[in-house]
């Protein structure tokens, strides 16, 4: 049944040329608000559910950003057991930006006690079917101050398709320890890369920077691909956001 959800945007990263948008639903509670469940927006007009960029433009022409509070018309839950937070958006209506969450309140959205995905010695992925077997299936968490959090980046060079030249692609990773286990996430936060000019600074040799606290990370699992679901860090929130 069509409805409207009010969501604090915590992820708005690039995926398949479109956007991967997710956040937590919130509900008014007097002068404050209550936190609801995670919602990942799924576009019925794309093959993989990624949201077309034009849909993320709100009434008035504003594009959404992390920490925006946005009213989003929905169709229905996608009922995907590998991505249980997915909801189909109503592509016929514009979104409405309501307000913006102060970064000082971000800690209220943290998933305390989150048990990040771990399977054997693979810190980058879990096998397909892993989410269905979780006690509380989840592919999205907001974590605070993970231990030994580091960003690594490098330029990967290859042959450009249909060309005699070469292409350069920026590779970025977040590595950290959480829940006593090591994790490696593909970093898809273009804002972070632009802030630190990672592409301009990148070399074929891996470079590393340590994240200072306080820091928050919105982390996610991809849909299954070739038998695995890969770990992604969609957004890095720093104290000076």
C-alpha atoms as a PDB file:
ATOM      1  CA  UNK A   1       0.000   0.000   0.000  1.00  0.00           C
ATOM      2  CA  UNK A   2       1.431   3.427  -0.959  1.00  0.00           C
ATOM      3  CA  UNK A   3       2.685   5.496   1.959  1.00  0.00           C
ATOM      4  CA  UNK A   4       5.187   8.203   2.865  1.00  0.00           C
ATOM      5  CA  UNK A   5       8.192   7.630   5.102  1.00  0.00           C
ATOM      6  CA  UNK A   6      10.238  10.314   6.835  1.00  0.00           C
ATOM      7  CA  UNK A   7      13.874   9.228   6.683  1.00  0.00           C
ATOM      8  CA  UNK A   8      17.198  10.557   7.929  1.00  0.00           C
ATOM      9  CA  UNK A   9      19.516   9.993   4.958  1.00  0.00           C
ATOM     10  CA  UNK A  10      22.654   8.109   6.033  1.00  0.00           C
ATOM     11  CA  UNK A  11      23.811   6.802   2.655  1.00  0.00           C
ATOM     12  CA  UNK A  12      23.744   8.409  -0.779  1.00  0.00           C
ATOM     13  CA  UNK A  13      26.541   6.788  -2.739  1.00  0.00           C
ATOM     14  CA  UNK A  14      27.102   5.941  -6.395  1.00  0.00           C
ATOM     15  CA  UNK A  15      25.948   2.538  -7.615  1.00  0.00           C
ATOM     16  CA  UNK A  16      25.746   1.369 -11.224  1.00  0.00           C
ATOM     17  CA  UNK A  17      25.701   4.965 -12.441  1.00  0.00           C
ATOM     18  CA  UNK A  18      22.744   5.739 -10.187  1.00  0.00           C
ATOM     19  CA  UNK A  19      22.500   6.147  -6.407  1.00  0.00           C
ATOM     20  CA  UNK A  20      22.298   3.845  -3.399  1.00  0.00           C
ATOM     21  CA  UNK A  21      20.154   5.683  -0.852  1.00  0.00           C
ATOM     22  CA  UNK A  22      19.355   4.464   2.654  1.00  0.00           C
ATOM     23  CA  UNK A  23      18.584   5.808   6.091  1.00  0.00           C
ATOM     24  CA  UNK A  24      16.539   5.358   9.229  1.00  0.00           C
ATOM     25  CA  UNK A  25      12.846   6.135   9.491  1.00  0.00           C
ATOM     26  CA  UNK A  26      11.945   8.620  12.225  1.00  0.00           C
ATOM     27  CA  UNK A  27       8.632   9.482  13.877  1.00  0.00           C
ATOM     28  CA  UNK A  28       7.602  12.733  15.627  1.00  0.00           C
ATOM     29  CA  UNK A  29       7.378  12.413  19.420  1.00  0.00           C
ATOM     30  CA  UNK A  30       6.351  15.733  20.913  1.00  0.00           C
ATOM     31  CA  UNK A  31       9.298  18.107  20.601  1.00  0.00           C
ATOM     32  CA  UNK A  32      11.604  15.203  19.726  1.00  0.00           C
ATOM     33  CA  UNK A  33      11.471  12.089  17.541  1.00  0.00           C
ATOM     34  CA  UNK A  34      11.714   8.321  17.770  1.00  0.00           C
ATOM     35  CA  UNK A  35      14.001   6.180  15.621  1.00  0.00           C
ATOM     36  CA  UNK A  36      12.481   3.465  13.472  1.00  0.00           C
ATOM     37  CA  UNK A  37      13.891   0.837  11.145  1.00  0.00           C
ATOM     38  CA  UNK A  38      16.431   1.069   8.357  1.00  0.00           C
ATOM     39  CA  UNK A  39      15.028   1.734   4.892  1.00  0.00           C
ATOM     40  CA  UNK A  40      16.971   1.251   1.660  1.00  0.00           C
ATOM     41  CA  UNK A  41      15.285   2.842  -1.334  1.00  0.00           C
ATOM     42  CA  UNK A  42      14.790   0.623  -4.365  1.00  0.00           C
ATOM     43  CA  UNK A  43      13.855   1.967  -7.786  1.00  0.00           C
ATOM     44  CA  UNK A  44      11.491  -0.343  -9.720  1.00  0.00           C
ATOM     45  CA  UNK A  45      12.687   1.351 -12.919  1.00  0.00           C
ATOM     46  CA  UNK A  46      16.273   0.041 -12.722  1.00  0.00           C
ATOM     47  CA  UNK A  47      17.586  -3.486 -13.132  1.00  0.00           C
ATOM     48  CA  UNK A  48      19.391  -3.643  -9.782  1.00  0.00           C
ATOM     49  CA  UNK A  49      17.148  -1.341  -7.755  1.00  0.00           C
ATOM     50  CA  UNK A  50      19.633   1.545  -7.664  1.00  0.00           C
ATOM     51  CA  UNK A  51      17.854   4.902  -7.555  1.00  0.00           C
ATOM     52  CA  UNK A  52      17.998   7.084 -10.647  1.00  0.00           C
ATOM     53  CA  UNK A  53      19.785  10.325  -9.874  1.00  0.00           C
ATOM     54  CA  UNK A  54      16.872  12.522 -10.998  1.00  0.00           C
ATOM     55  CA  UNK A  55      14.610  10.905  -8.385  1.00  0.00           C
ATOM     56  CA  UNK A  56      16.859  12.179  -5.585  1.00  0.00           C
ATOM     57  CA  UNK A  57      16.086  15.806  -6.492  1.00  0.00           C
ATOM     58  CA  UNK A  58      13.521  17.136  -4.011  1.00  0.00           C
ATOM     59  CA  UNK A  59      10.741  19.655  -4.527  1.00  0.00           C
ATOM     60  CA  UNK A  60      12.441  22.981  -5.110  1.00  0.00           C
ATOM     61  CA  UNK A  61      15.327  21.334  -6.951  1.00  0.00           C
ATOM     62  CA  UNK A  62      17.533  20.400  -3.988  1.00  0.00           C
ATOM     63  CA  UNK A  63      19.537  17.196  -4.185  1.00  0.00           C
ATOM     64  CA  UNK A  64      19.631  15.121  -1.015  1.00  0.00           C
ATOM     65  CA  UNK A  65      22.729  14.814   1.161  1.00  0.00           C
ATOM     66  CA  UNK A  66      23.579  12.639   4.164  1.00  0.00           C
ATOM     67  CA  UNK A  67      21.881  13.909   7.361  1.00  0.00           C
ATOM     68  CA  UNK A  68      18.979  15.433   5.417  1.00  0.00           C
ATOM     69  CA  UNK A  69      15.523  14.561   6.791  1.00  0.00           C
ATOM     70  CA  UNK A  70      13.358  13.758   3.776  1.00  0.00           C
ATOM     71  CA  UNK A  71       9.741  12.696   3.203  1.00  0.00           C
ATOM     72  CA  UNK A  72       9.727  10.006   0.515  1.00  0.00           C
ATOM     73  CA  UNK A  73       6.630   8.507  -1.162  1.00  0.00           C
ATOM     74  CA  UNK A  74       6.795   4.696  -1.139  1.00  0.00           C
ATOM     75  CA  UNK A  75       5.033   1.862  -2.888  1.00  0.00           C
ATOM     76  CA  UNK A  76       5.651  -1.256  -0.821  1.00  0.00           C
ATOM     77  CA  UNK A  77       8.338  -3.390   0.779  1.00  0.00           C
ATOM     78  CA  UNK A  78      10.479  -5.263  -1.741  1.00  0.00           C
ATOM     79  CA  UNK A  79      10.349  -8.461   0.367  1.00  0.00           C
ATOM     80  CA  UNK A  80      13.906  -9.414  -0.548  1.00  0.00           C
ATOM     81  CA  UNK A  81      15.285 -11.841   2.081  1.00  0.00           C
ATOM     82  CA  UNK A  82      18.871 -10.976   1.078  1.00  0.00           C
ATOM     83  CA  UNK A  83      18.163  -7.223   1.409  1.00  0.00           C
ATOM     84  CA  UNK A  84      15.340  -7.035   3.982  1.00  0.00           C
ATOM     85  CA  UNK A  85      15.445  -3.224   4.349  1.00  0.00           C
ATOM     86  CA  UNK A  86      14.558  -2.541   0.691  1.00  0.00           C
ATOM     87  CA  UNK A  87      11.425  -0.547  -0.165  1.00  0.00           C
ATOM     88  CA  UNK A  88      10.196   0.419  -3.639  1.00  0.00           C
ATOM     89  CA  UNK A  89       9.866   4.168  -4.072  1.00  0.00           C
ATOM     90  CA  UNK A  90       6.927   5.826  -5.834  1.00  0.00           C
ATOM     91  CA  UNK A  91       8.624   7.214  -8.940  1.00  0.00           C
ATOM     92  CA  UNK A  92       5.675   9.468  -9.831  1.00  0.00           C
ATOM     93  CA  UNK A  93       6.116  11.843  -6.867  1.00  0.00           C
ATOM     94  CA  UNK A  94       8.856  14.189  -5.743  1.00  0.00           C
ATOM     95  CA  UNK A  95      10.581  13.900  -2.398  1.00  0.00           C
ATOM     96  CA  UNK A  96      10.309  16.687   0.173  1.00  0.00           C
ATOM     97  CA  UNK A  97      13.256  17.876   2.253  1.00  0.00           C
ATOM     98  CA  UNK A  98      11.950  18.614   5.745  1.00  0.00           C
ATOM     99  CA  UNK A  99      15.033  19.563   7.763  1.00  0.00           C
ATOM    100  CA  UNK A 100      18.574  18.486   8.536  1.00  0.00           C
ATOM    101  CA  UNK A 101      19.827  16.402  11.449  1.00  0.00           C
ATOM    102  CA  UNK A 102      22.574  18.136  13.481  1.00  0.00           C
ATOM    103  CA  UNK A 103      25.710  16.012  13.421  1.00  0.00           C
ATOM    104  CA  UNK A 104      25.714  16.171  17.238  1.00  0.00           C
ATOM    105  CA  UNK A 105      22.601  13.956  17.205  1.00  0.00           C
ATOM    106  CA  UNK A 106      24.104  11.293  14.963  1.00  0.00           C
ATOM    107  CA  UNK A 107      25.019   9.181  17.988  1.00  0.00           C
ATOM    108  CA  UNK A 108      21.278   8.688  18.650  1.00  0.00           C
ATOM    109  CA  UNK A 109      21.082   6.631  15.440  1.00  0.00           C
ATOM    110  CA  UNK A 110      23.988   4.296  16.157  1.00  0.00           C
ATOM    111  CA  UNK A 111      23.188   0.571  16.168  1.00  0.00           C
ATOM    112  CA  UNK A 112      24.505  -0.238  19.628  1.00  0.00           C
ATOM    113  CA  UNK A 113      25.701  -3.809  19.947  1.00  0.00           C
ATOM    114  CA  UNK A 114      25.714  -4.339  16.186  1.00  0.00           C
ATOM    115  CA  UNK A 115      27.243  -7.689  15.253  1.00  0.00           C
ATOM    116  CA  UNK A 116      28.925  -6.991  11.946  1.00  0.00           C
ATOM    117  CA  UNK A 117      28.862  -9.697   9.337  1.00  0.00           C
ATOM    118  CA  UNK A 118      31.617 -12.262   9.662  1.00  0.00           C
ATOM    119  CA  UNK A 119      32.123 -15.620   8.013  1.00  0.00           C
ATOM    120  CA  UNK A 120      35.332 -17.574   8.373  1.00  0.00           C
ATOM    121  CA  UNK A 121      38.463 -15.637   7.466  1.00  0.00           C
ATOM    122  CA  UNK A 122      36.909 -13.490   4.729  1.00  0.00           C
ATOM    123  CA  UNK A 123      36.851  -9.922   6.016  1.00  0.00           C
ATOM    124  CA  UNK A 124      35.416  -8.537   2.759  1.00  0.00           C
ATOM    125  CA  UNK A 125      32.276 -10.606   2.215  1.00  0.00           C
ATOM    126  CA  UNK A 126      29.852 -13.225   3.479  1.00  0.00           C
ATOM    127  CA  UNK A 127      28.375 -16.094   1.453  1.00  0.00           C
ATOM    128  CA  UNK A 128      25.010 -15.723  -0.223  1.00  0.00           C
ATOM    129  CA  UNK A 129      22.299 -16.845   2.207  1.00  0.00           C
ATOM    130  CA  UNK A 130      24.168 -15.519   5.256  1.00  0.00           C
ATOM    131  CA  UNK A 131      21.633 -12.713   5.892  1.00  0.00           C
ATOM    132  CA  UNK A 132      18.678 -15.110   5.860  1.00  0.00           C
ATOM    133  CA  UNK A 133      20.274 -17.097   8.675  1.00  0.00           C
ATOM    134  CA  UNK A 134      20.912 -14.088  10.941  1.00  0.00           C
ATOM    135  CA  UNK A 135      18.853 -13.924  14.124  1.00  0.00           C
ATOM    136  CA  UNK A 136      17.826 -10.400  13.120  1.00  0.00           C
ATOM    137  CA  UNK A 137      18.491 -10.146   9.368  1.00  0.00           C
ATOM    138  CA  UNK A 138      20.209  -6.868   8.526  1.00  0.00           C
ATOM    139  CA  UNK A 139      22.371  -5.461   5.745  1.00  0.00           C
ATOM    140  CA  UNK A 140      22.734  -1.936   7.169  1.00  0.00           C
ATOM    141  CA  UNK A 141      24.365  -0.593  10.335  1.00  0.00           C
ATOM    142  CA  UNK A 142      25.594   2.730  11.656  1.00  0.00           C
ATOM    143  CA  UNK A 143      28.670   2.101  13.786  1.00  0.00           C
ATOM    144  CA  UNK A 144      30.668   4.515  15.965  1.00  0.00           C
ATOM    145  CA  UNK A 145      34.416   4.720  16.505  1.00  0.00           C
ATOM    146  CA  UNK A 146      35.497   1.348  15.069  1.00  0.00           C
ATOM    147  CA  UNK A 147      38.980   0.379  16.249  1.00  0.00           C
ATOM    148  CA  UNK A 148      42.028   0.966  14.039  1.00  0.00           C
ATOM    149  CA  UNK A 149      39.906   2.625  11.351  1.00  0.00           C
ATOM    150  CA  UNK A 150      41.998   3.386   8.276  1.00  0.00           C
ATOM    151  CA  UNK A 151      41.286   4.509   4.736  1.00  0.00           C
ATOM    152  CA  UNK A 152      43.477   3.143   1.947  1.00  0.00           C
ATOM    153  CA  UNK A 153      43.422   4.304  -1.656  1.00  0.00           C
ATOM    154  CA  UNK A 154      45.251   3.736  -4.917  1.00  0.00           C
ATOM    155  CA  UNK A 155      44.912   4.111  -8.662  1.00  0.00           C
ATOM    156  CA  UNK A 156      44.089   0.978 -10.628  1.00  0.00           C
ATOM    157  CA  UNK A 157      45.051   1.213 -14.282  1.00  0.00           C
ATOM    158  CA  UNK A 158      43.618  -0.892 -17.063  1.00  0.00           C
ATOM    159  CA  UNK A 159      42.673  -0.898 -20.721  1.00  0.00           C
ATOM    160  CA  UNK A 160      39.710   1.302 -21.510  1.00  0.00           C
ATOM    161  CA  UNK A 161      36.860  -0.550 -23.293  1.00  0.00           C
ATOM    162  CA  UNK A 162      36.677   0.094 -27.047  1.00  0.00           C
ATOM    163  CA  UNK A 163      39.829   2.192 -26.908  1.00  0.00           C
ATOM    164  CA  UNK A 164      43.558   1.919 -27.427  1.00  0.00           C
ATOM    165  CA  UNK A 165      44.188   3.986 -24.306  1.00  0.00           C
ATOM    166  CA  UNK A 166      44.164   3.131 -20.629  1.00  0.00           C
ATOM    167  CA  UNK A 167      41.704   3.963 -17.876  1.00  0.00           C
ATOM    168  CA  UNK A 168      42.382   4.964 -14.305  1.00  0.00           C
ATOM    169  CA  UNK A 169      40.058   3.996 -11.489  1.00  0.00           C
ATOM    170  CA  UNK A 170      40.291   5.113  -7.891  1.00  0.00           C
ATOM    171  CA  UNK A 171      40.059   2.238  -5.403  1.00  0.00           C
ATOM    172  CA  UNK A 172      39.216   3.100  -1.779  1.00  0.00           C
ATOM    173  CA  UNK A 173      38.837   0.856   1.270  1.00  0.00           C
ATOM    174  CA  UNK A 174      37.902   1.213   4.917  1.00  0.00           C
ATOM    175  CA  UNK A 175      39.550  -1.312   7.222  1.00  0.00           C
ATOM    176  CA  UNK A 176      38.757  -1.555  10.919  1.00  0.00           C
ATOM    177  CA  UNK A 177      38.127  -3.860  13.854  1.00  0.00           C
ATOM    178  CA  UNK A 178      34.616  -4.196  15.262  1.00  0.00           C
ATOM    179  CA  UNK A 179      33.198  -6.833  17.552  1.00  0.00           C
ATOM    180  CA  UNK A 180      36.603  -8.465  17.852  1.00  0.00           C
ATOM    181  CA  UNK A 181      36.868  -9.135  14.100  1.00  0.00           C
ATOM    182  CA  UNK A 182      38.673  -7.420  11.224  1.00  0.00           C
ATOM    183  CA  UNK A 183      36.574  -5.994   8.406  1.00  0.00           C
ATOM    184  CA  UNK A 184      37.339  -4.558   4.968  1.00  0.00           C
ATOM    185  CA  UNK A 185      34.747  -2.374   3.238  1.00  0.00           C
ATOM    186  CA  UNK A 186      34.778  -0.947  -0.268  1.00  0.00           C
ATOM    187  CA  UNK A 187      34.374   2.796   0.345  1.00  0.00           C
ATOM    188  CA  UNK A 188      31.764   4.369  -1.946  1.00  0.00           C
ATOM    189  CA  UNK A 189      31.524   7.771  -0.243  1.00  0.00           C
ATOM    190  CA  UNK A 190      32.317  10.243  -3.034  1.00  0.00           C
ATOM    191  CA  UNK A 191      32.057  13.188  -0.610  1.00  0.00           C
ATOM    192  CA  UNK A 192      34.897  11.764   1.483  1.00  0.00           C
ATOM    193  CA  UNK A 193      37.055  11.150  -1.608  1.00  0.00           C
ATOM    194  CA  UNK A 194      36.452  14.703  -2.821  1.00  0.00           C
ATOM    195  CA  UNK A 195      37.107  16.247   0.613  1.00  0.00           C
ATOM    196  CA  UNK A 196      40.558  14.677   0.809  1.00  0.00           C
ATOM    197  CA  UNK A 197      41.286  14.883  -2.953  1.00  0.00           C
ATOM    198  CA  UNK A 198      42.013  11.174  -3.024  1.00  0.00           C
ATOM    199  CA  UNK A 199      41.961  10.837  -6.800  1.00  0.00           C
ATOM    200  CA  UNK A 200      44.418  13.694  -7.274  1.00  0.00           C
ATOM    201  CA  UNK A 201      46.695  12.259  -4.587  1.00  0.00           C
ATOM    202  CA  UNK A 202      46.384   8.623  -5.644  1.00  0.00           C
ATOM    203  CA  UNK A 203      49.291   6.558  -6.948  1.00  0.00           C
ATOM    204  CA  UNK A 204      49.520   2.944  -8.107  1.00  0.00           C
ATOM    205  CA  UNK A 205      51.025   2.211  -4.702  1.00  0.00           C
ATOM    206  CA  UNK A 206      48.500   1.970  -1.854  1.00  0.00           C
ATOM    207  CA  UNK A 207      48.369   4.946   0.507  1.00  0.00           C
ATOM    208  CA  UNK A 208      46.847   4.922   3.989  1.00  0.00           C
ATOM    209  CA  UNK A 209      45.330   7.494   6.351  1.00  0.00           C
ATOM    210  CA  UNK A 210      44.106   6.899   9.911  1.00  0.00           C
ATOM    211  CA  UNK A 211      40.672   8.206  10.898  1.00  0.00           C
ATOM    212  CA  UNK A 212      40.488  10.312  14.034  1.00  0.00           C
ATOM    213  CA  UNK A 213      37.627   9.933  16.498  1.00  0.00           C
ATOM    214  CA  UNK A 214      34.815  10.689  16.796  1.00  0.00           C
ATOM    215  CA  UNK A 215      33.915   8.986  13.538  1.00  0.00           C
ATOM    216  CA  UNK A 216      30.814   7.131  12.370  1.00  0.00           C
ATOM    217  CA  UNK A 217      30.397   4.784   9.399  1.00  0.00           C
ATOM    218  CA  UNK A 218      27.263   3.700   7.570  1.00  0.00           C
ATOM    219  CA  UNK A 219      28.078   0.176   6.397  1.00  0.00           C
ATOM    220  CA  UNK A 220      26.128  -2.159   4.161  1.00  0.00           C
ATOM    221  CA  UNK A 221      26.088  -5.473   2.336  1.00  0.00           C
ATOM    222  CA  UNK A 222      25.613  -5.629  -1.425  1.00  0.00           C
ATOM    223  CA  UNK A 223      23.051  -7.839  -3.064  1.00  0.00           C
ATOM    224  CA  UNK A 224      24.391 -11.339  -3.820  1.00  0.00           C
ATOM    225  CA  UNK A 225      26.942 -11.422  -6.635  1.00  0.00           C
ATOM    226  CA  UNK A 226      28.651 -14.621  -7.725  1.00  0.00           C
ATOM    227  CA  UNK A 227      27.694 -16.320  -4.480  1.00  0.00           C
ATOM    228  CA  UNK A 228      28.800 -13.552  -2.104  1.00  0.00           C
ATOM    229  CA  UNK A 229      27.535 -10.348  -0.507  1.00  0.00           C
ATOM    230  CA  UNK A 230      30.289  -7.768  -0.196  1.00  0.00           C
ATOM    231  CA  UNK A 231      30.842  -5.220   2.564  1.00  0.00           C
ATOM    232  CA  UNK A 232      30.524  -1.547   1.657  1.00  0.00           C
ATOM    233  CA  UNK A 233      31.136   1.637   3.632  1.00  0.00           C
ATOM    234  CA  UNK A 234      28.625   4.054   2.110  1.00  0.00           C
ATOM    235  CA  UNK A 235      29.315   7.101   4.296  1.00  0.00           C
ATOM    236  CA  UNK A 236      32.030   8.279   6.659  1.00  0.00           C
ATOM    237  CA  UNK A 237      30.822  10.889   9.155  1.00  0.00           C
ATOM    238  CA  UNK A 238      33.528  12.913  10.857  1.00  0.00           C
ATOM    239  CA  UNK A 239      33.246  15.405  13.730  1.00  0.00           C
ATOM    240  CA  UNK A 240      33.387  18.370  11.350  1.00  0.00           C
ATOM    241  CA  UNK A 241      30.621  17.163   8.978  1.00  0.00           C
END
